[in-house]
PDB file of N, CA and C in Angstrom:
ATOM      1  N   MET A   1       6.121 -13.683  -0.115  1.00  0.00           N
ATOM      2  CA  MET A   1       5.567 -12.563  -0.190  1.00  0.00           C
ATOM      3  C   MET A   1       5.626 -11.969  -1.609  1.00  0.00           C
ATOM      4  N   TYR A   2       6.665 -12.244  -2.255  1.00  0.00           N
ATOM      5  CA  TYR A   2       6.695 -11.875  -3.716  1.00  0.00           C
ATOM      6  C   TYR A   2       5.638 -12.385  -4.609  1.00  0.00           C
ATOM      7  N   GLN A   3       5.191 -13.716  -4.173  1.00  0.00           N
ATOM      8  CA  GLN A   3       4.134 -14.292  -4.823  1.00  0.00           C
ATOM      9  C   GLN A   3       2.815 -13.495  -4.647  1.00  0.00           C
ATOM     10  N   ILE A   4       2.615 -13.219  -3.541  1.00  0.00           N
ATOM     11  CA  ILE A   4       1.289 -12.348  -3.140  1.00  0.00           C
ATOM     12  C   ILE A   4       1.385 -10.951  -3.891  1.00  0.00           C
ATOM     13  N   LEU A   5       2.485 -10.265  -4.013  1.00  0.00           N
ATOM     14  CA  LEU A   5       2.457  -9.103  -4.689  1.00  0.00           C
ATOM     15  C   LEU A   5       2.238  -9.241  -6.168  1.00  0.00           C
ATOM     16  N   ASP A   6       2.823 -10.365  -6.755  1.00  0.00           N
ATOM     17  CA  ASP A   6       2.763 -10.826  -8.152  1.00  0.00           C
ATOM     18  C   ASP A   6       1.217 -10.991  -8.379  1.00  0.00           C
ATOM     19  N   GLU A   7       0.606 -11.745  -7.700  1.00  0.00           N
ATOM     20  CA  GLU A   7      -0.893 -12.132  -7.771  1.00  0.00           C
ATOM     21  C   GLU A   7      -1.824 -10.710  -7.669  1.00  0.00           C
ATOM     22  N   LEU A   8      -1.283  -9.915  -6.673  1.00  0.00           N
ATOM     23  CA  LEU A   8      -2.047  -8.758  -6.502  1.00  0.00           C
ATOM     24  C   LEU A   8      -2.103  -7.845  -7.726  1.00  0.00           C
ATOM     25  N   ASN A   9      -0.865  -7.939  -8.361  1.00  0.00           N
ATOM     26  CA  ASN A   9      -0.541  -6.942  -9.603  1.00  0.00           C
ATOM     27  C   ASN A   9      -1.325  -7.543 -10.776  1.00  0.00           C
ATOM     28  N   LYS A  10      -1.762  -8.662 -10.776  1.00  0.00           N
ATOM     29  CA  LYS A  10      -2.539  -9.138 -11.981  1.00  0.00           C
ATOM     30  C   LYS A  10      -4.030  -8.599 -11.973  1.00  0.00           C
ATOM     31  N   THR A  11      -4.314  -7.979 -10.825  1.00  0.00           N
ATOM     32  CA  THR A  11      -5.767  -7.398 -10.836  1.00  0.00           C
ATOM     33  C   THR A  11      -5.721  -6.126 -11.828  1.00  0.00           C
ATOM     34  N   SER A  12      -6.855  -6.185 -12.594  1.00  0.00           N
ATOM     35  CA  SER A  12      -7.061  -5.115 -13.486  1.00  0.00           C
ATOM     36  C   SER A  12      -6.841  -3.671 -12.983  1.00  0.00           C
ATOM     37  N   GLY A  13      -6.105  -2.791 -13.440  1.00  0.00           N
ATOM     38  CA  GLY A  13      -5.960  -1.584 -12.968  1.00  0.00           C
ATOM     39  C   GLY A  13      -4.804  -1.233 -11.901  1.00  0.00           C
ATOM     40  N   ILE A  14      -4.124  -2.410 -11.499  1.00  0.00           N
ATOM     41  CA  ILE A  14      -3.084  -2.246 -10.455  1.00  0.00           C
ATOM     42  C   ILE A  14      -1.807  -2.272 -11.274  1.00  0.00           C
ATOM     43  N   THR A  15      -0.839  -1.314 -10.972  1.00  0.00           N
ATOM     44  CA  THR A  15       0.360  -1.174 -11.743  1.00  0.00           C
ATOM     45  C   THR A  15       1.495  -1.500 -10.853  1.00  0.00           C
ATOM     46  N   GLY A  16       1.328  -1.750  -9.706  1.00  0.00           N
ATOM     47  CA  GLY A  16       2.485  -2.187  -8.918  1.00  0.00           C
ATOM     48  C   GLY A  16       2.087  -2.296  -7.398  1.00  0.00           C
ATOM     49  N   SER A  17       3.108  -2.898  -6.635  1.00  0.00           N
ATOM     50  CA  SER A  17       2.758  -3.104  -5.119  1.00  0.00           C
ATOM     51  C   SER A  17       4.046  -3.259  -4.471  1.00  0.00           C
ATOM     52  N   MET A  18       4.075  -3.108  -3.196  1.00  0.00           N
ATOM     53  CA  MET A  18       5.221  -3.311  -2.351  1.00  0.00           C
ATOM     54  C   MET A  18       4.857  -3.364  -0.828  1.00  0.00           C
ATOM     55  N   VAL A  19       5.782  -3.791  -0.167  1.00  0.00           N
ATOM     56  CA  VAL A  19       5.428  -3.837   1.299  1.00  0.00           C
ATOM     57  C   VAL A  19       6.640  -3.207   2.089  1.00  0.00           C
ATOM     58  N   VAL A  20       6.430  -2.204   2.670  1.00  0.00           N
ATOM     59  CA  VAL A  20       7.601  -1.512   3.436  1.00  0.00           C
ATOM     60  C   VAL A  20       7.236  -1.394   4.892  1.00  0.00           C
ATOM     61  N   GLY A  21       8.492  -1.350   5.751  1.00  0.00           N
ATOM     62  CA  GLY A  21       8.353  -1.293   7.009  1.00  0.00           C
ATOM     63  C   GLY A  21       7.834   0.096   7.382  1.00  0.00           C
ATOM     64  N   ASN A  22       7.478   0.303   8.658  1.00  0.00           N
ATOM     65  CA  ASN A  22       7.029   1.522   9.111  1.00  0.00           C
ATOM     66  C   ASN A  22       8.053   2.681   9.175  1.00  0.00           C
ATOM     67  N   ASP A  23       9.307   2.143   8.894  1.00  0.00           N
ATOM     68  CA  ASP A  23      10.561   2.978   8.857  1.00  0.00           C
ATOM     69  C   ASP A  23      10.872   3.413   7.382  1.00  0.00           C
ATOM     70  N   GLY A  24      10.045   2.774   6.414  1.00  0.00           N
ATOM     71  CA  GLY A  24      10.181   3.100   5.092  1.00  0.00           C
ATOM     72  C   GLY A  24      11.234   2.230   4.347  1.00  0.00           C
ATOM     73  N   ILE A  25      11.647   1.197   4.995  1.00  0.00           N
ATOM     74  CA  ILE A  25      12.714   0.145   4.509  1.00  0.00           C
ATOM     75  C   ILE A  25      11.721  -0.762   3.630  1.00  0.00           C
ATOM     76  N   VAL A  26      12.108  -0.968   2.403  1.00  0.00           N
ATOM     77  CA  VAL A  26      11.416  -1.997   1.518  1.00  0.00           C
ATOM     78  C   VAL A  26      11.643  -3.389   2.031  1.00  0.00           C
ATOM     79  N   ILE A  27      10.465  -4.056   2.205  1.00  0.00           N
ATOM     80  CA  ILE A  27      10.554  -5.539   2.545  1.00  0.00           C
ATOM     81  C   ILE A  27      10.422  -6.333   1.372  1.00  0.00           C
ATOM     82  N   ALA A  28       9.415  -5.952   0.492  1.00  0.00           N
ATOM     83  CA  ALA A  28       9.135  -6.790  -0.881  1.00  0.00           C
ATOM     84  C   ALA A  28       8.669  -5.823  -1.842  1.00  0.00           C
ATOM     85  N   SER A  29       9.227  -5.940  -3.168  1.00  0.00           N
ATOM     86  CA  SER A  29       8.452  -5.058  -3.898  1.00  0.00           C
ATOM     87  C   SER A  29       8.218  -5.516  -5.338  1.00  0.00           C
ATOM     88  N   ASP A  30       7.304  -5.196  -6.060  1.00  0.00           N
ATOM     89  CA  ASP A  30       7.028  -5.593  -7.551  1.00  0.00           C
ATOM     90  C   ASP A  30       6.347  -4.276  -7.872  1.00  0.00           C
ATOM     91  N   LEU A  31       7.037  -3.130  -8.041  1.00  0.00           N
ATOM     92  CA  LEU A  31       6.587  -2.016  -8.476  1.00  0.00           C
ATOM     93  C   LEU A  31       6.929  -1.728  -9.984  1.00  0.00           C
ATOM     94  N   ASP A  32       6.242  -0.826 -10.784  1.00  0.00           N
ATOM     95  CA  ASP A  32       6.693  -0.469 -11.963  1.00  0.00           C
ATOM     96  C   ASP A  32       8.079  -0.010 -11.841  1.00  0.00           C
ATOM     97  N   THR A  33       8.736  -0.173 -13.015  1.00  0.00           N
ATOM     98  CA  THR A  33      10.306   0.118 -13.048  1.00  0.00           C
ATOM     99  C   THR A  33      10.328   1.655 -13.127  1.00  0.00           C
ATOM    100  N   SER A  34       9.383   2.513 -13.530  1.00  0.00           N
ATOM    101  CA  SER A  34       9.577   3.871 -13.464  1.00  0.00           C
ATOM    102  C   SER A  34       9.522   4.543 -12.055  1.00  0.00           C
ATOM    103  N   LEU A  35       9.119   3.698 -11.071  1.00  0.00           N
ATOM    104  CA  LEU A  35       9.290   4.316  -9.676  1.00  0.00           C
ATOM    105  C   LEU A  35      10.355   3.879  -8.912  1.00  0.00           C
ATOM    106  N   GLU A  36      11.100   4.604  -8.087  1.00  0.00           N
ATOM    107  CA  GLU A  36      12.076   4.184  -7.405  1.00  0.00           C
ATOM    108  C   GLU A  36      11.676   3.668  -5.897  1.00  0.00           C
ATOM    109  N   GLU A  37      11.966   2.471  -5.735  1.00  0.00           N
ATOM    110  CA  GLU A  37      11.473   1.774  -4.563  1.00  0.00           C
ATOM    111  C   GLU A  37      11.703   2.583  -3.248  1.00  0.00           C
ATOM    112  N   GLU A  38      13.010   2.894  -3.099  1.00  0.00           N
ATOM    113  CA  GLU A  38      13.270   3.492  -1.798  1.00  0.00           C
ATOM    114  C   GLU A  38      12.499   4.871  -1.621  1.00  0.00           C
ATOM    115  N   ALA A  39      12.336   5.562  -2.605  1.00  0.00           N
ATOM    116  CA  ALA A  39      11.657   6.824  -2.678  1.00  0.00           C
ATOM    117  C   ALA A  39      10.238   6.724  -2.161  1.00  0.00           C
ATOM    118  N   VAL A  40       9.488   5.608  -2.804  1.00  0.00           N
ATOM    119  CA  VAL A  40       8.004   5.398  -2.608  1.00  0.00           C
ATOM    120  C   VAL A  40       8.034   4.677  -1.061  1.00  0.00           C
ATOM    121  N   GLY A  41       8.872   3.984  -0.684  1.00  0.00           N
ATOM    122  CA  GLY A  41       8.822   3.490   0.541  1.00  0.00           C
ATOM    123  C   GLY A  41       9.088   4.632   1.680  1.00  0.00           C
ATOM    124  N   ALA A  42       9.974   5.389   1.607  1.00  0.00           N
ATOM    125  CA  ALA A  42      10.108   6.659   2.311  1.00  0.00           C
ATOM    126  C   ALA A  42       8.785   7.538   2.497  1.00  0.00           C
ATOM    127  N   LEU A  43       8.324   7.613   1.263  1.00  0.00           N
ATOM    128  CA  LEU A  43       7.101   8.461   0.984  1.00  0.00           C
ATOM    129  C   LEU A  43       5.807   7.917   1.854  1.00  0.00           C
ATOM    130  N   ALA A  44       5.690   6.557   1.714  1.00  0.00           N
ATOM    131  CA  ALA A  44       4.662   5.799   2.266  1.00  0.00           C
ATOM    132  C   ALA A  44       4.865   5.999   3.764  1.00  0.00           C
ATOM    133  N   ALA A  45       5.927   5.674   4.406  1.00  0.00           N
ATOM    134  CA  ALA A  45       6.196   5.751   5.726  1.00  0.00           C
ATOM    135  C   ALA A  45       5.912   7.103   6.476  1.00  0.00           C
ATOM    136  N   SER A  46       6.332   8.104   5.552  1.00  0.00           N
ATOM    137  CA  SER A  46       6.216   9.514   6.095  1.00  0.00           C
ATOM    138  C   SER A  46       4.622   9.899   6.234  1.00  0.00           C
ATOM    139  N   ILE A  47       3.890   9.540   4.888  1.00  0.00           N
ATOM    140  CA  ILE A  47       2.593   9.979   5.049  1.00  0.00           C
ATOM    141  C   ILE A  47       1.689   9.114   5.930  1.00  0.00           C
ATOM    142  N   THR A  48       1.909   8.038   6.267  1.00  0.00           N
ATOM    143  CA  THR A  48       1.140   7.131   7.105  1.00  0.00           C
ATOM    144  C   THR A  48       1.515   7.543   8.611  1.00  0.00           C
ATOM    145  N   GLY A  49       2.661   7.910   8.694  1.00  0.00           N
ATOM    146  CA  GLY A  49       3.335   8.207  10.223  1.00  0.00           C
ATOM    147  C   GLY A  49       2.738   9.497  10.502  1.00  0.00           C
ATOM    148  N   ASN A  50       2.633  10.470   9.767  1.00  0.00           N
ATOM    149  CA  ASN A  50       1.947  11.880   9.967  1.00  0.00           C
ATOM    150  C   ASN A  50       0.382  11.747  10.069  1.00  0.00           C
ATOM    151  N   ILE A  51      -0.079  10.866   9.257  1.00  0.00           N
ATOM    152  CA  ILE A  51      -1.674  10.796   9.340  1.00  0.00           C
ATOM    153  C   ILE A  51      -1.884  10.089  10.671  1.00  0.00           C
ATOM    154  N   GLN A  52      -1.211   9.039  11.197  1.00  0.00           N
ATOM    155  CA  GLN A  52      -1.431   8.345  12.509  1.00  0.00           C
ATOM    156  C   GLN A  52      -1.239   9.330  13.499  1.00  0.00           C
ATOM    157  N   LYS A  53      -0.386  10.116  13.390  1.00  0.00           N
ATOM    158  CA  LYS A  53      -0.137  11.116  14.678  1.00  0.00           C
ATOM    159  C   LYS A  53      -1.305  12.015  14.705  1.00  0.00           C
ATOM    160  N   SER A  54      -1.818  12.377  13.596  1.00  0.00           N
ATOM    161  CA  SER A  54      -2.936  13.419  13.648  1.00  0.00           C
ATOM    162  C   SER A  54      -4.193  12.631  14.184  1.00  0.00           C
ATOM    163  N   LEU A  55      -4.274  11.350  13.775  1.00  0.00           N
ATOM    164  CA  LEU A  55      -5.572  10.596  14.260  1.00  0.00           C
ATOM    165  C   LEU A  55      -5.293  10.317  15.857  1.00  0.00           C
ATOM    166  N   ASP A  56      -4.129  10.080  16.223  1.00  0.00           N
ATOM    167  CA  ASP A  56      -3.991   9.880  17.590  1.00  0.00           C
ATOM    168  C   ASP A  56      -4.345  11.154  18.349  1.00  0.00           C
ATOM    169  N   ARG A  57      -4.097  12.403  17.855  1.00  0.00           N
ATOM    170  CA  ARG A  57      -4.395  13.697  18.574  1.00  0.00           C
ATOM    171  C   ARG A  57      -5.851  13.751  18.614  1.00  0.00           C
ATOM    172  N   MET A  58      -6.693  13.278  17.470  1.00  0.00           N
ATOM    173  CA  MET A  58      -8.093  13.280  17.445  1.00  0.00           C
ATOM    174  C   MET A  58      -8.758  12.079  18.088  1.00  0.00           C
ATOM    175  N   GLN A  59      -8.077  11.264  18.746  1.00  0.00           N
ATOM    176  CA  GLN A  59      -8.404   9.967  19.249  1.00  0.00           C
ATOM    177  C   GLN A  59      -9.301   9.229  18.561  1.00  0.00           C
ATOM    178  N   GLN A  60      -8.768   9.000  17.372  1.00  0.00           N
ATOM    179  CA  GLN A  60      -9.395   8.074  16.434  1.00  0.00           C
ATOM    180  C   GLN A  60      -8.790   6.563  16.496  1.00  0.00           C
ATOM    181  N   THR A  61      -9.453   5.762  15.799  1.00  0.00           N
ATOM    182  CA  THR A  61      -8.883   4.262  15.886  1.00  0.00           C
ATOM    183  C   THR A  61      -7.754   4.272  15.082  1.00  0.00           C
ATOM    184  N   PRO A  62      -6.966   3.407  15.184  1.00  0.00           N
ATOM    185  CA  PRO A  62      -5.759   3.240  14.364  1.00  0.00           C
ATOM    186  C   PRO A  62      -5.979   3.279  12.831  1.00  0.00           C
ATOM    187  N   LEU A  63      -5.099   3.955  12.055  1.00  0.00           N
ATOM    188  CA  LEU A  63      -5.044   4.081  10.609  1.00  0.00           C
ATOM    189  C   LEU A  63      -5.194   2.567   9.897  1.00  0.00           C
ATOM    190  N   LYS A  64      -6.024   2.524   9.068  1.00  0.00           N
ATOM    191  CA  LYS A  64      -6.436   1.383   8.274  1.00  0.00           C
ATOM    192  C   LYS A  64      -5.818   1.396   6.881  1.00  0.00           C
ATOM    193  N   GLN A  65      -6.389   2.498   6.113  1.00  0.00           N
ATOM    194  CA  GLN A  65      -5.969   2.730   4.780  1.00  0.00           C
ATOM    195  C   GLN A  65      -5.976   4.255   4.358  1.00  0.00           C
ATOM    196  N   ILE A  66      -5.168   4.555   3.448  1.00  0.00           N
ATOM    197  CA  ILE A  66      -5.112   5.967   2.964  1.00  0.00           C
ATOM    198  C   ILE A  66      -5.285   5.728   1.508  1.00  0.00           C
ATOM    199  N   THR A  67      -6.175   6.422   0.664  1.00  0.00           N
ATOM    200  CA  THR A  67      -6.146   6.387  -0.758  1.00  0.00           C
ATOM    201  C   THR A  67      -5.982   7.837  -1.209  1.00  0.00           C
ATOM    202  N   ILE A  68      -4.884   7.954  -2.098  1.00  0.00           N
ATOM    203  CA  ILE A  68      -4.486   9.198  -2.666  1.00  0.00           C
ATOM    204  C   ILE A  68      -4.758   9.250  -4.216  1.00  0.00           C
ATOM    205  N   GLU A  69      -5.526  10.192  -4.529  1.00  0.00           N
ATOM    206  CA  GLU A  69      -5.987  10.257  -5.999  1.00  0.00           C
ATOM    207  C   GLU A  69      -5.261  11.522  -6.672  1.00  0.00           C
ATOM    208  N   ALA A  70      -4.636  11.086  -7.795  1.00  0.00           N
ATOM    209  CA  ALA A  70      -3.894  12.307  -8.594  1.00  0.00           C
ATOM    210  C   ALA A  70      -4.589  12.141 -10.030  1.00  0.00           C
ATOM    211  N   ASP A  71      -4.069  13.214 -10.799  1.00  0.00           N
ATOM    212  CA  ASP A  71      -4.444  13.106 -12.166  1.00  0.00           C
ATOM    213  C   ASP A  71      -3.998  11.868 -13.027  1.00  0.00           C
ATOM    214  N   THR A  72      -2.825  11.181 -12.672  1.00  0.00           N
ATOM    215  CA  THR A  72      -2.238  10.217 -13.270  1.00  0.00           C
ATOM    216  C   THR A  72      -2.479   8.813 -12.838  1.00  0.00           C
ATOM    217  N   GLY A  73      -3.143   8.781 -11.455  1.00  0.00           N
ATOM    218  CA  GLY A  73      -3.226   7.434 -10.882  1.00  0.00           C
ATOM    219  C   GLY A  73      -3.728   7.551  -9.445  1.00  0.00           C
ATOM    220  N   LYS A  74      -3.696   6.439  -8.919  1.00  0.00           N
ATOM    221  CA  LYS A  74      -4.135   6.329  -7.410  1.00  0.00           C
ATOM    222  C   LYS A  74      -3.048   5.648  -6.650  1.00  0.00           C
ATOM    223  N   LEU A  75      -2.982   5.828  -5.321  1.00  0.00           N
ATOM    224  CA  LEU A  75      -2.005   5.142  -4.546  1.00  0.00           C
ATOM    225  C   LEU A  75      -2.811   4.815  -3.163  1.00  0.00           C
ATOM    226  N   PHE A  76      -2.800   3.389  -2.859  1.00  0.00           N
ATOM    227  CA  PHE A  76      -3.362   2.952  -1.688  1.00  0.00           C
ATOM    228  C   PHE A  76      -2.296   2.610  -0.575  1.00  0.00           C
ATOM    229  N   LEU A  77      -2.325   3.200   0.610  1.00  0.00           N
ATOM    230  CA  LEU A  77      -1.338   2.741   1.639  1.00  0.00           C
ATOM    231  C   LEU A  77      -2.366   2.172   2.742  1.00  0.00           C
ATOM    232  N   THR A  78      -2.034   0.780   3.155  1.00  0.00           N
ATOM    233  CA  THR A  78      -2.731   0.070   4.056  1.00  0.00           C
ATOM    234  C   THR A  78      -1.926  -0.541   4.995  1.00  0.00           C
ATOM    235  N   ASP A  79      -2.300  -0.515   6.267  1.00  0.00           N
ATOM    236  CA  ASP A  79      -1.587  -1.324   7.286  1.00  0.00           C
ATOM    237  C   ASP A  79      -1.689  -2.790   6.998  1.00  0.00           C
ATOM    238  N   ALA A  80      -0.638  -3.357   7.114  1.00  0.00           N
ATOM    239  CA  ALA A  80      -0.378  -4.870   6.707  1.00  0.00           C
ATOM    240  C   ALA A  80       0.160  -5.676   8.035  1.00  0.00           C
ATOM    241  N   GLY A  81       0.063  -4.935   9.102  1.00  0.00           N
ATOM    242  CA  GLY A  81       0.596  -5.776  10.246  1.00  0.00           C
ATOM    243  C   GLY A  81       1.985  -5.541  10.261  1.00  0.00           C
ATOM    244  N   ILE A  82       2.785  -6.261   9.388  1.00  0.00           N
ATOM    245  CA  ILE A  82       4.293  -6.164   9.414  1.00  0.00           C
ATOM    246  C   ILE A  82       4.997  -4.926   8.889  1.00  0.00           C
ATOM    247  N   GLY A  83       3.900  -4.072   8.263  1.00  0.00           N
ATOM    248  CA  GLY A  83       4.286  -2.772   7.667  1.00  0.00           C
ATOM    249  C   GLY A  83       3.245  -2.308   6.901  1.00  0.00           C
ATOM    250  N   ILE A  84       3.551  -1.569   5.863  1.00  0.00           N
ATOM    251  CA  ILE A  84       2.422  -0.730   4.986  1.00  0.00           C
ATOM    252  C   ILE A  84       2.407  -1.626   3.513  1.00  0.00           C
ATOM    253  N   LEU A  85       1.318  -1.880   3.178  1.00  0.00           N
ATOM    254  CA  LEU A  85       1.246  -2.390   1.792  1.00  0.00           C
ATOM    255  C   LEU A  85       0.849  -1.233   0.849  1.00  0.00           C
ATOM    256  N   VAL A  86       1.760  -1.101  -0.177  1.00  0.00           N
ATOM    257  CA  VAL A  86       1.629   0.243  -1.089  1.00  0.00           C
ATOM    258  C   VAL A  86       1.174  -0.415  -2.289  1.00  0.00           C
ATOM    259  N   VAL A  87      -0.060   0.199  -2.853  1.00  0.00           N
ATOM    260  CA  VAL A  87      -0.417  -0.344  -4.226  1.00  0.00           C
ATOM    261  C   VAL A  87      -0.460   0.800  -5.076  1.00  0.00           C
ATOM    262  N   THR A  88       0.040   0.952  -6.190  1.00  0.00           N
ATOM    263  CA  THR A  88      -0.241   1.847  -7.233  1.00  0.00           C
ATOM    264  C   THR A  88      -1.332   1.533  -8.221  1.00  0.00           C
ATOM    265  N   ALA A  89      -2.049   2.307  -8.790  1.00  0.00           N
ATOM    266  CA  ALA A  89      -3.172   1.856  -9.701  1.00  0.00           C
ATOM    267  C   ALA A  89      -3.450   3.028 -10.829  1.00  0.00           C
ATOM    268  N   GLU A  90      -3.962   2.613 -11.804  1.00  0.00           N
ATOM    269  CA  GLU A  90      -4.394   3.522 -12.941  1.00  0.00           C
ATOM    270  C   GLU A  90      -5.356   4.628 -12.405  1.00  0.00           C
ATOM    271  N   ARG A  91      -5.707   5.557 -12.951  1.00  0.00           N
ATOM    272  CA  ARG A  91      -6.457   6.770 -12.650  1.00  0.00           C
ATOM    273  C   ARG A  91      -8.071   6.297 -12.497  1.00  0.00           C
ATOM    274  N   ASP A  92      -8.433   5.481 -13.369  1.00  0.00           N
ATOM    275  CA  ASP A  92      -9.843   5.115 -13.516  1.00  0.00           C
ATOM    276  C   ASP A  92     -10.166   3.767 -13.036  1.00  0.00           C
ATOM    277  N   VAL A  93      -9.297   3.367 -12.052  1.00  0.00           N
ATOM    278  CA  VAL A  93      -9.427   1.989 -11.540  1.00  0.00           C
ATOM    279  C   VAL A  93     -10.676   1.756 -10.602  1.00  0.00           C
ATOM    280  N   ASN A  94     -11.227   0.559 -10.633  1.00  0.00           N
ATOM    281  CA  ASN A  94     -12.382   0.182  -9.867  1.00  0.00           C
ATOM    282  C   ASN A  94     -11.952   0.158  -8.461  1.00  0.00           C
ATOM    283  N   ILE A  95     -12.294   1.215  -7.423  1.00  0.00           N
ATOM    284  CA  ILE A  95     -11.609   1.210  -6.143  1.00  0.00           C
ATOM    285  C   ILE A  95     -12.158   0.246  -5.272  1.00  0.00           C
ATOM    286  N   GLY A  96     -13.437  -0.356  -5.498  1.00  0.00           N
ATOM    287  CA  GLY A  96     -13.908  -1.482  -4.681  1.00  0.00           C
ATOM    288  C   GLY A  96     -13.314  -2.607  -4.768  1.00  0.00           C
ATOM    289  N   LEU A  97     -12.903  -2.936  -6.171  1.00  0.00           N
ATOM    290  CA  LEU A  97     -12.315  -4.150  -6.491  1.00  0.00           C
ATOM    291  C   LEU A  97     -10.920  -4.185  -5.883  1.00  0.00           C
ATOM    292  N   ILE A  98     -10.135  -2.732  -6.057  1.00  0.00           N
ATOM    293  CA  ILE A  98      -8.734  -2.876  -5.444  1.00  0.00           C
ATOM    294  C   ILE A  98      -8.857  -2.960  -3.974  1.00  0.00           C
ATOM    295  N   ARG A  99      -9.678  -2.464  -3.368  1.00  0.00           N
ATOM    296  CA  ARG A  99      -9.788  -2.725  -1.826  1.00  0.00           C
ATOM    297  C   ARG A  99     -10.044  -4.021  -1.376  1.00  0.00           C
ATOM    298  N   LEU A 100     -10.867  -4.773  -2.197  1.00  0.00           N
ATOM    299  CA  LEU A 100     -11.131  -6.053  -1.953  1.00  0.00           C
ATOM    300  C   LEU A 100      -9.898  -6.921  -2.164  1.00  0.00           C
ATOM    301  N   GLU A 101      -9.055  -6.667  -3.187  1.00  0.00           N
ATOM    302  CA  GLU A 101      -7.975  -7.459  -3.446  1.00  0.00           C
ATOM    303  C   GLU A 101      -6.962  -7.067  -2.541  1.00  0.00           C
ATOM    304  N   ILE A 102      -6.839  -5.918  -2.060  1.00  0.00           N
ATOM    305  CA  ILE A 102      -5.723  -5.452  -0.894  1.00  0.00           C
ATOM    306  C   ILE A 102      -6.225  -6.136   0.245  1.00  0.00           C
ATOM    307  N   LYS A 103      -7.316  -6.187   0.668  1.00  0.00           N
ATOM    308  CA  LYS A 103      -7.896  -6.977   1.853  1.00  0.00           C
ATOM    309  C   LYS A 103      -7.495  -8.467   1.876  1.00  0.00           C
ATOM    310  N   ASN A 104      -7.595  -9.149   0.720  1.00  0.00           N
ATOM    311  CA  ASN A 104      -7.195 -10.416   0.480  1.00  0.00           C
ATOM    312  C   ASN A 104      -5.711 -10.716   0.659  1.00  0.00           C
ATOM    313  N   ALA A 105      -4.968  -9.661  -0.032  1.00  0.00           N
ATOM    314  CA  ALA A 105      -3.466  -9.620   0.036  1.00  0.00           C
ATOM    315  C   ALA A 105      -2.901  -9.539   1.415  1.00  0.00           C
ATOM    316  N   ILE A 106      -3.686  -8.641   2.279  1.00  0.00           N
ATOM    317  CA  ILE A 106      -3.140  -8.456   3.675  1.00  0.00           C
ATOM    318  C   ILE A 106      -3.500  -9.932   4.539  1.00  0.00           C
ATOM    319  N   SER A 107      -4.704 -10.415   4.335  1.00  0.00           N
ATOM    320  CA  SER A 107      -4.941 -11.648   4.760  1.00  0.00           C
ATOM    321  C   SER A 107      -4.022 -12.838   4.586  1.00  0.00           C
ATOM    322  N   ARG A 108      -3.480 -12.778   3.411  1.00  0.00           N
ATOM    323  CA  ARG A 108      -2.375 -13.849   3.020  1.00  0.00           C
ATOM    324  C   ARG A 108      -0.924 -13.416   3.640  1.00  0.00           C
ATOM    325  N   ILE A 109      -0.778 -12.015   3.570  1.00  0.00           N
ATOM    326  CA  ILE A 109       0.552 -11.697   4.078  1.00  0.00           C
ATOM    327  C   ILE A 109       0.663 -11.955   5.695  1.00  0.00           C
ATOM    328  N   GLY A 110      -0.689 -11.916   6.272  1.00  0.00           N
ATOM    329  CA  GLY A 110      -0.522 -12.124   7.831  1.00  0.00           C
ATOM    330  C   GLY A 110      -0.599 -13.615   8.040  1.00  0.00           C
ATOM    331  N   ASN A 111      -0.917 -14.474   7.113  1.00  0.00           N
ATOM    332  CA  ASN A 111      -0.944 -16.060   7.166  1.00  0.00           C
ATOM    333  C   ASN A 111       0.499 -16.459   7.073  1.00  0.00           C
ATOM    334  N   ASN A 112       1.282 -15.513   6.363  1.00  0.00           N
ATOM    335  CA  ASN A 112       2.743 -15.969   5.930  1.00  0.00           C
ATOM    336  C   ASN A 112       3.672 -15.790   7.145  1.00  0.00           C
ATOM    337  N   ASN A 113       3.254 -14.907   8.184  1.00  0.00           N
ATOM    338  CA  ASN A 113       4.073 -14.716   9.209  1.00  0.00           C
ATOM    339  C   ASN A 113       4.080 -15.593  10.559  1.00  0.00           C
TER     340      ASN A 113
END
């Protein structure tokens, strides 16, 4: 799994990635050292859990991906089957390219299980 994250991080604009369980426990991480893995994992689990509950109330299909945009960068939270794939990226990143690379990474993560 670390190899998949390492290759994902070579994509232009991606600054880090990790996989966390739905409980927020870090499964594998290759994040920028300025970020605390446990804090990011807990945040990802909290955000996706709350949004999934809201989607359930609205009778929508299961959560697939959340994109958070801030002044300093972007955060992608994607259902990876075994947990949540978290990708941090630069502010002006090519979102289409990142989503394609995330899709490819999730496919590879699924094949490794």
